[in-house]
Amino acid sequence: MGYAVETGIPLKREKATKYPWAAMTVGSSFFVPSAPLFKTQTIERRVSWAARGRVVAYPGEKYTVRTVEGGVRVWRTA
């Protein structure tokens, strides 16, 4: 018994994420509410790092993260 060798099969990278990066288009945004256990600065830092990771994986994308009343908002800018 052997294994068939196949070519031309694309590698799908499907990684679970808590933020809706893939659904965002330029000009769209999402809101992350602050939680009782975390300061808004902590949430902003975590979301900023997640955005940086997304930009590394997809260099054509750019995001802006800002603290707003009640939490953090993320905009896709490119």
Protein backbone atom coordinates (compact mmCIF):
# COMPACT_ATOMS: atom_id res chain seq x y z
CA MET A 1 0.00 0.00 0.00
CA GLY A 2 1.39 3.37 -0.95
CA TYR A 3 0.44 7.00 -0.78
CA ALA A 4 -0.50 8.97 -3.88
CA VAL A 5 1.65 12.02 -4.56
CA GLU A 6 -0.38 15.07 -5.63
CA THR A 7 0.69 18.50 -6.87
CA GLY A 8 -1.19 21.76 -7.25
CA ILE A 9 -3.10 21.41 -3.97
CA PRO A 10 -3.07 24.84 -2.24
CA LEU A 11 -2.09 25.00 1.41
CA LYS A 12 -4.92 26.55 3.36
CA ARG A 13 -3.97 28.55 6.38
CA GLU A 14 -6.98 28.70 8.63
CA LYS A 15 -6.19 29.91 12.09
CA ALA A 16 -8.83 30.77 14.64
CA THR A 17 -8.77 34.38 15.75
CA LYS A 18 -10.94 36.35 18.11
CA TYR A 19 -10.79 39.49 15.96
CA PRO A 20 -12.54 39.82 12.56
CA TRP A 21 -9.43 40.69 10.52
CA ALA A 22 -10.40 38.73 7.40
CA ALA A 23 -13.85 40.31 7.20
CA MET A 24 -12.52 43.88 7.31
CA THR A 25 -12.25 46.16 4.29
CA VAL A 26 -10.48 49.52 4.09
CA GLY A 27 -12.45 52.04 6.17
CA SER A 28 -14.20 49.46 8.36
CA SER A 29 -13.66 49.11 12.11
CA PHE A 30 -14.55 46.99 15.11
CA PHE A 31 -14.94 47.75 18.81
CA VAL A 32 -13.42 45.81 21.72
CA PRO A 33 -15.16 46.74 24.99
CA SER A 34 -13.09 47.12 28.13
CA ALA A 35 -13.49 44.33 30.64
CA PRO A 36 -13.70 44.64 34.43
CA LEU A 37 -10.52 42.58 34.88
CA PHE A 38 -8.36 44.52 32.41
CA LYS A 39 -7.45 48.17 32.06
CA THR A 40 -8.21 49.76 28.70
CA GLN A 41 -4.45 50.25 28.18
CA THR A 42 -3.93 46.51 28.52
CA ILE A 43 -6.65 45.78 25.98
CA GLU A 44 -5.21 48.36 23.58
CA ARG A 45 -1.77 46.81 23.90
CA ARG A 46 -3.08 43.30 23.20
CA VAL A 47 -5.14 44.40 20.20
CA SER A 48 -2.19 46.43 18.86
CA TRP A 49 0.06 43.38 19.02
CA ALA A 50 -2.58 41.29 17.27
CA ALA A 51 -2.82 43.95 14.53
CA ARG A 52 0.98 43.94 14.14
CA GLY A 53 0.90 40.18 13.75
CA ARG A 54 -1.76 40.50 11.06
CA VAL A 55 0.34 43.10 9.19
CA VAL A 56 3.38 40.80 9.29
CA ALA A 57 1.32 37.95 7.82
CA TYR A 58 -0.42 40.21 5.27
CA PRO A 59 1.96 43.10 4.44
CA GLY A 60 -0.56 45.01 2.29
CA GLU A 61 -2.88 45.58 5.25
CA LYS A 62 -2.58 48.40 7.79
CA TYR A 63 -4.55 49.03 10.99
CA THR A 64 -4.94 51.85 13.49
CA VAL A 65 -5.86 51.13 17.12
CA ARG A 66 -7.23 53.86 19.39
CA THR A 67 -8.68 54.01 22.88
CA VAL A 68 -12.26 55.30 22.76
CA GLU A 69 -14.89 55.64 25.45
CA GLY A 70 -15.70 52.20 26.81
CA GLY A 71 -12.89 50.30 25.11
CA VAL A 72 -10.73 50.15 22.01
CA ARG A 73 -11.59 50.64 18.33
CA VAL A 74 -9.59 49.21 15.42
CA TRP A 75 -9.76 50.67 11.89
CA ARG A 76 -8.39 49.12 8.73
CA THR A 77 -6.59 51.91 6.89
CA ALA A 78 -5.07 50.03 3.93
